[in-house]
Structures are given as structure tokens and as C-alpha cells.
């Protein structure tokens, strides 16, 4: 998240819960939520990922001025392929031989409607494994700590990416 602050609004929580098919009233019914031990509307698990939508430089957001973006244009694959992407006519798969492998969330406190989150991202662990089909696999973590307006740590999100040495053999 490159955005400095992210206001958690009750309507954002409700829309996120709806988008993941979770109709728990703790995510949208203020009267119900106020009667719980949590004392108000809280955000569902993984909600912090939605903060990327408020980052104007997020790579999945459309660009101003008509520049292509992931998912736009007549190619269902999104952005125009480049000769170095590993996709297209050369075969062998896409994503420049890199992909998102895992995502972990550790919850320290509930995220509540009205919270203002800030995030700090730092590199985590790295490691390598050997693969029969793609050569050396290089794994790396990205650790994002989300803090509320009081500076309290609410969520630690760890993403794991992997880069392959070569395109996967078929």
C-alpha cells in the first residue's frame, strides 16, 4: 500500500463482505454490531488488501489518459505483452516467470469502521528451491504491517512471491 492513510468506512466493509459472499451482520448491521463484545462494525478477514484500491499507483488500477491496464482492452489477458514477458507466441507461460505464491494474515486487533490505517512494507525472508521443470525457484516475502490511528498494530500481512529461473517445461 503506497497510500499514506486509509480510512475504513462502514460502507467499504459492507461492500467487501458482500463481494466475498459473507452476510454476517457484524459487517453491516450497526445496531447488531453495537450489541456485540466488539462494540461496532468490524472488517472481515483479508479486508486490508482492499486498501490497494485507494492507491493511485496500484498496478491493477486503470491509468488516466487511456493507457492500457490489466484486464482492459480487447485482450482478456490485460496489458500488452512484451517480448520479454515469457508470454505470447514464444510459449512457455506468462507473468515474466514470476507469480504470487501465498498470502498470510496475522490479526492482532479487529479493524473497525472509523479506523484510519497506515501501512509499512518491508522485505521478509528469502529462500531458494530447485525445481525439475523451472530450474531454481527464488522465494521472497513482503511483510506489511497495518496500524490504526493510535499506532496499534492491527494486521501483519505476509505475501510470498516466486521467480523461476526459466519458463516451466511442459
C-alpha atoms as a PDB file:
ATOM      1  CA  UNK A   1       0.000   0.000   0.000  1.00  0.00           C
ATOM      2  CA  UNK A   2       1.674   3.215  -1.149  1.00  0.00           C
ATOM      3  CA  UNK A   3      -1.149   5.400   0.150  1.00  0.00           C
ATOM      4  CA  UNK A   4      -0.306   7.173   3.446  1.00  0.00           C
ATOM      5  CA  UNK A   5      -3.632   6.715   5.230  1.00  0.00           C
ATOM      6  CA  UNK A   6      -6.666   4.549   4.546  1.00  0.00           C
ATOM      7  CA  UNK A   7      -9.995   5.442   6.190  1.00  0.00           C
ATOM      8  CA  UNK A   8     -12.029   2.329   6.921  1.00  0.00           C
ATOM      9  CA  UNK A   9     -15.644   3.254   6.227  1.00  0.00           C
ATOM     10  CA  UNK A  10     -18.634   1.109   7.182  1.00  0.00           C
ATOM     11  CA  UNK A  11     -19.800   1.156   3.556  1.00  0.00           C
ATOM     12  CA  UNK A  12     -16.399  -0.193   2.403  1.00  0.00           C
ATOM     13  CA  UNK A  13     -16.675  -3.016   4.938  1.00  0.00           C
ATOM     14  CA  UNK A  14     -20.212  -3.849   3.817  1.00  0.00           C
ATOM     15  CA  UNK A  15     -19.261  -3.892   0.119  1.00  0.00           C
ATOM     16  CA  UNK A  16     -16.176  -6.025   0.773  1.00  0.00           C
ATOM     17  CA  UNK A  17     -18.214  -8.533   2.816  1.00  0.00           C
ATOM     18  CA  UNK A  18     -20.815  -8.696   0.043  1.00  0.00           C
ATOM     19  CA  UNK A  19     -18.128  -9.222  -2.586  1.00  0.00           C
ATOM     20  CA  UNK A  20     -16.798 -12.270  -0.731  1.00  0.00           C
ATOM     21  CA  UNK A  21     -20.302 -13.591  -0.016  1.00  0.00           C
ATOM     22  CA  UNK A  22     -20.234 -13.110   3.769  1.00  0.00           C
ATOM     23  CA  UNK A  23     -23.570 -11.919   5.156  1.00  0.00           C
ATOM     24  CA  UNK A  24     -22.542 -11.847   8.832  1.00  0.00           C
ATOM     25  CA  UNK A  25     -24.388  -8.850  10.363  1.00  0.00           C
ATOM     26  CA  UNK A  26     -21.217  -7.796  12.245  1.00  0.00           C
ATOM     27  CA  UNK A  27     -20.055  -6.427   8.858  1.00  0.00           C
ATOM     28  CA  UNK A  28     -23.090  -4.279   8.015  1.00  0.00           C
ATOM     29  CA  UNK A  29     -25.737  -4.023  10.757  1.00  0.00           C
ATOM     30  CA  UNK A  30     -24.724  -1.232  13.138  1.00  0.00           C
ATOM     31  CA  UNK A  31     -27.474  -1.985  15.664  1.00  0.00           C
ATOM     32  CA  UNK A  32     -26.460  -5.653  15.818  1.00  0.00           C
ATOM     33  CA  UNK A  33     -22.708  -4.884  15.874  1.00  0.00           C
ATOM     34  CA  UNK A  34     -23.060  -2.368  18.726  1.00  0.00           C
ATOM     35  CA  UNK A  35     -24.522  -5.116  20.945  1.00  0.00           C
ATOM     36  CA  UNK A  36     -21.522  -7.437  20.454  1.00  0.00           C
ATOM     37  CA  UNK A  37     -18.383  -7.571  22.591  1.00  0.00           C
ATOM     38  CA  UNK A  38     -16.593  -5.699  19.789  1.00  0.00           C
ATOM     39  CA  UNK A  39     -18.964  -2.753  20.133  1.00  0.00           C
ATOM     40  CA  UNK A  40     -19.338  -1.928  16.462  1.00  0.00           C
ATOM     41  CA  UNK A  41     -18.942  -2.900  12.843  1.00  0.00           C
ATOM     42  CA  UNK A  42     -15.678  -4.701  12.112  1.00  0.00           C
ATOM     43  CA  UNK A  43     -13.959  -5.649   8.873  1.00  0.00           C
ATOM     44  CA  UNK A  44     -13.854  -9.230   7.561  1.00  0.00           C
ATOM     45  CA  UNK A  45     -10.595 -11.151   7.225  1.00  0.00           C
ATOM     46  CA  UNK A  46      -8.406 -10.029   4.293  1.00  0.00           C
ATOM     47  CA  UNK A  47     -10.155  -6.619   4.174  1.00  0.00           C
ATOM     48  CA  UNK A  48      -6.799  -4.821   4.455  1.00  0.00           C
ATOM     49  CA  UNK A  49      -5.976  -5.968   0.906  1.00  0.00           C
ATOM     50  CA  UNK A  50      -8.675  -3.623  -0.377  1.00  0.00           C
ATOM     51  CA  UNK A  51      -6.506  -0.669   0.646  1.00  0.00           C
ATOM     52  CA  UNK A  52      -4.658  -1.152  -2.636  1.00  0.00           C
ATOM     53  CA  UNK A  53      -7.739   0.149  -4.463  1.00  0.00           C
ATOM     54  CA  UNK A  54      -7.133   3.572  -2.920  1.00  0.00           C
ATOM     55  CA  UNK A  55      -3.530   3.693  -4.129  1.00  0.00           C
ATOM     56  CA  UNK A  56      -3.417   5.653  -7.406  1.00  0.00           C
ATOM     57  CA  UNK A  57      -0.285   3.741  -8.468  1.00  0.00           C
ATOM     58  CA  UNK A  58      -1.672   0.236  -7.854  1.00  0.00           C
ATOM     59  CA  UNK A  59      -0.819  -1.789 -10.952  1.00  0.00           C
ATOM     60  CA  UNK A  60      -4.339  -3.192 -11.383  1.00  0.00           C
ATOM     61  CA  UNK A  61      -5.995   0.256 -11.473  1.00  0.00           C
ATOM     62  CA  UNK A  62      -6.848   1.882 -14.805  1.00  0.00           C
ATOM     63  CA  UNK A  63      -4.450   4.623 -15.816  1.00  0.00           C
ATOM     64  CA  UNK A  64      -5.658   8.134 -16.555  1.00  0.00           C
ATOM     65  CA  UNK A  65      -5.286   9.079 -20.193  1.00  0.00           C
ATOM     66  CA  UNK A  66      -6.357   5.789 -21.727  1.00  0.00           C
ATOM     67  CA  UNK A  67      -3.159   3.822 -21.081  1.00  0.00           C
ATOM     68  CA  UNK A  68      -3.837   0.071 -21.080  1.00  0.00           C
ATOM     69  CA  UNK A  69      -4.130  -1.767 -17.808  1.00  0.00           C
ATOM     70  CA  UNK A  70      -4.566  -5.343 -16.611  1.00  0.00           C
ATOM     71  CA  UNK A  71      -7.997  -6.516 -17.725  1.00  0.00           C
ATOM     72  CA  UNK A  72      -8.653  -3.746 -20.226  1.00  0.00           C
ATOM     73  CA  UNK A  73      -8.662  -3.677 -23.979  1.00  0.00           C
ATOM     74  CA  UNK A  74      -9.633  -6.463 -26.299  1.00  0.00           C
ATOM     75  CA  UNK A  75      -7.050  -8.929 -24.921  1.00  0.00           C
ATOM     76  CA  UNK A  76      -8.536 -10.764 -21.940  1.00  0.00           C
ATOM     77  CA  UNK A  77      -5.019 -11.087 -20.528  1.00  0.00           C
ATOM     78  CA  UNK A  78      -4.851  -7.326 -19.992  1.00  0.00           C
ATOM     79  CA  UNK A  79      -1.697  -5.328 -20.596  1.00  0.00           C
ATOM     80  CA  UNK A  80       0.027  -5.635 -23.931  1.00  0.00           C
ATOM     81  CA  UNK A  81       2.589  -8.462 -23.856  1.00  0.00           C
ATOM     82  CA  UNK A  82       6.240  -7.601 -24.289  1.00  0.00           C
ATOM     83  CA  UNK A  83       8.824  -9.812 -25.912  1.00  0.00           C
ATOM     84  CA  UNK A  84      10.479 -10.423 -22.522  1.00  0.00           C
ATOM     85  CA  UNK A  85       7.303 -11.389 -20.671  1.00  0.00           C
ATOM     86  CA  UNK A  86       7.526 -15.061 -21.467  1.00  0.00           C
ATOM     87  CA  UNK A  87       4.036 -14.940 -22.972  1.00  0.00           C
ATOM     88  CA  UNK A  88       2.739 -14.698 -26.478  1.00  0.00           C
ATOM     89  CA  UNK A  89       3.966 -16.664 -29.474  1.00  0.00           C
ATOM     90  CA  UNK A  90       7.117 -17.973 -27.832  1.00  0.00           C
ATOM     91  CA  UNK A  91       5.026 -20.180 -25.497  1.00  0.00           C
ATOM     92  CA  UNK A  92       6.130 -21.139 -22.012  1.00  0.00           C
ATOM     93  CA  UNK A  93       3.619 -19.272 -19.840  1.00  0.00           C
ATOM     94  CA  UNK A  94       3.377 -15.708 -18.677  1.00  0.00           C
ATOM     95  CA  UNK A  95       3.971 -13.285 -15.838  1.00  0.00           C
ATOM     96  CA  UNK A  96       7.685 -12.895 -16.599  1.00  0.00           C
ATOM     97  CA  UNK A  97       8.267 -16.233 -14.852  1.00  0.00           C
ATOM     98  CA  UNK A  98       7.134 -14.809 -11.527  1.00  0.00           C
ATOM     99  CA  UNK A  99       3.962 -15.255  -9.551  1.00  0.00           C
ATOM    100  CA  UNK A 100       2.220 -14.649  -6.272  1.00  0.00           C
ATOM    101  CA  UNK A 101       2.554 -17.878  -4.291  1.00  0.00           C
ATOM    102  CA  UNK A 102       0.953 -17.291  -0.866  1.00  0.00           C
ATOM    103  CA  UNK A 103      -0.634 -14.709   1.402  1.00  0.00           C
ATOM    104  CA  UNK A 104      -0.768 -14.931   5.203  1.00  0.00           C
ATOM    105  CA  UNK A 105      -2.606 -12.638   7.629  1.00  0.00           C
ATOM    106  CA  UNK A 106      -1.983 -12.345  11.344  1.00  0.00           C
ATOM    107  CA  UNK A 107      -4.667 -10.407  13.205  1.00  0.00           C
ATOM    108  CA  UNK A 108      -3.674  -8.524  16.342  1.00  0.00           C
ATOM    109  CA  UNK A 109      -6.784  -6.348  16.822  1.00  0.00           C
ATOM    110  CA  UNK A 110     -10.075  -6.063  14.933  1.00  0.00           C
ATOM    111  CA  UNK A 111     -10.253  -3.447  12.179  1.00  0.00           C
ATOM    112  CA  UNK A 112     -13.273  -1.272  12.965  1.00  0.00           C
ATOM    113  CA  UNK A 113     -15.335   1.150  10.935  1.00  0.00           C
ATOM    114  CA  UNK A 114     -13.827   4.580  11.531  1.00  0.00           C
ATOM    115  CA  UNK A 115     -10.256   3.323  11.904  1.00  0.00           C
ATOM    116  CA  UNK A 116      -7.589   5.043   9.863  1.00  0.00           C
ATOM    117  CA  UNK A 117      -4.989   2.516   8.770  1.00  0.00           C
ATOM    118  CA  UNK A 118      -1.434   3.204   7.719  1.00  0.00           C
ATOM    119  CA  UNK A 119       0.868   0.564   6.315  1.00  0.00           C
ATOM    120  CA  UNK A 120       4.574  -0.082   6.296  1.00  0.00           C
ATOM    121  CA  UNK A 121       6.000  -2.687   3.939  1.00  0.00           C
ATOM    122  CA  UNK A 122       9.411  -4.276   4.308  1.00  0.00           C
ATOM    123  CA  UNK A 123      11.147  -7.312   2.842  1.00  0.00           C
ATOM    124  CA  UNK A 124      10.857 -10.576   4.736  1.00  0.00           C
ATOM    125  CA  UNK A 125      12.648 -13.887   4.367  1.00  0.00           C
ATOM    126  CA  UNK A 126      14.091 -15.225   1.127  1.00  0.00           C
ATOM    127  CA  UNK A 127      14.914 -18.809   0.181  1.00  0.00           C
ATOM    128  CA  UNK A 128      15.546 -20.998  -2.847  1.00  0.00           C
ATOM    129  CA  UNK A 129      14.464 -24.438  -4.010  1.00  0.00           C
ATOM    130  CA  UNK A 130      15.357 -26.485  -7.043  1.00  0.00           C
ATOM    131  CA  UNK A 131      12.601 -27.441  -9.483  1.00  0.00           C
ATOM    132  CA  UNK A 132      12.702 -30.131 -12.158  1.00  0.00           C
ATOM    133  CA  UNK A 133      10.501 -28.128 -14.555  1.00  0.00           C
ATOM    134  CA  UNK A 134      11.551 -24.495 -13.994  1.00  0.00           C
ATOM    135  CA  UNK A 135      15.091 -24.596 -12.595  1.00  0.00           C
ATOM    136  CA  UNK A 136      15.888 -22.617  -9.475  1.00  0.00           C
ATOM    137  CA  UNK A 137      12.896 -21.122  -7.653  1.00  0.00           C
ATOM    138  CA  UNK A 138      13.597 -17.937  -5.696  1.00  0.00           C
ATOM    139  CA  UNK A 139      11.025 -17.177  -2.996  1.00  0.00           C
ATOM    140  CA  UNK A 140      10.727 -13.828  -1.244  1.00  0.00           C
ATOM    141  CA  UNK A 141       8.386 -12.394   1.356  1.00  0.00           C
ATOM    142  CA  UNK A 142       6.933  -8.916   1.570  1.00  0.00           C
ATOM    143  CA  UNK A 143       5.682  -8.052   5.070  1.00  0.00           C
ATOM    144  CA  UNK A 144       3.120  -5.269   5.502  1.00  0.00           C
ATOM    145  CA  UNK A 145       2.189  -4.024   8.961  1.00  0.00           C
ATOM    146  CA  UNK A 146      -1.130  -2.195   9.221  1.00  0.00           C
ATOM    147  CA  UNK A 147      -1.513   0.171  12.178  1.00  0.00           C
ATOM    148  CA  UNK A 148      -4.579   2.087  13.286  1.00  0.00           C
ATOM    149  CA  UNK A 149      -4.848   5.796  14.120  1.00  0.00           C
ATOM    150  CA  UNK A 150      -3.483   5.090  17.635  1.00  0.00           C
ATOM    151  CA  UNK A 151      -0.372   3.410  16.243  1.00  0.00           C
ATOM    152  CA  UNK A 152      -1.580  -0.027  17.374  1.00  0.00           C
ATOM    153  CA  UNK A 153      -0.582  -2.955  15.171  1.00  0.00           C
ATOM    154  CA  UNK A 154      -3.814  -4.480  13.841  1.00  0.00           C
ATOM    155  CA  UNK A 155      -2.711  -6.769  10.983  1.00  0.00           C
ATOM    156  CA  UNK A 156       0.525  -8.236   9.694  1.00  0.00           C
ATOM    157  CA  UNK A 157       0.168  -9.381   6.078  1.00  0.00           C
ATOM    158  CA  UNK A 158       2.907 -11.507   4.521  1.00  0.00           C
ATOM    159  CA  UNK A 159       2.919 -12.111   0.791  1.00  0.00           C
ATOM    160  CA  UNK A 160       5.194 -14.689  -0.824  1.00  0.00           C
ATOM    161  CA  UNK A 161       6.348 -14.343  -4.408  1.00  0.00           C
ATOM    162  CA  UNK A 162       8.355 -16.788  -6.502  1.00  0.00           C
ATOM    163  CA  UNK A 163      10.594 -16.208  -9.511  1.00  0.00           C
ATOM    164  CA  UNK A 164      11.547 -19.114 -11.724  1.00  0.00           C
ATOM    165  CA  UNK A 165      14.925 -19.469 -13.403  1.00  0.00           C
ATOM    166  CA  UNK A 166      13.272 -20.308 -16.727  1.00  0.00           C
ATOM    167  CA  UNK A 167       9.824 -20.848 -18.191  1.00  0.00           C
ATOM    168  CA  UNK A 168       8.196 -24.036 -16.959  1.00  0.00           C
ATOM    169  CA  UNK A 169       8.865 -27.049 -19.180  1.00  0.00           C
ATOM    170  CA  UNK A 170       5.671 -28.602 -20.468  1.00  0.00           C
END
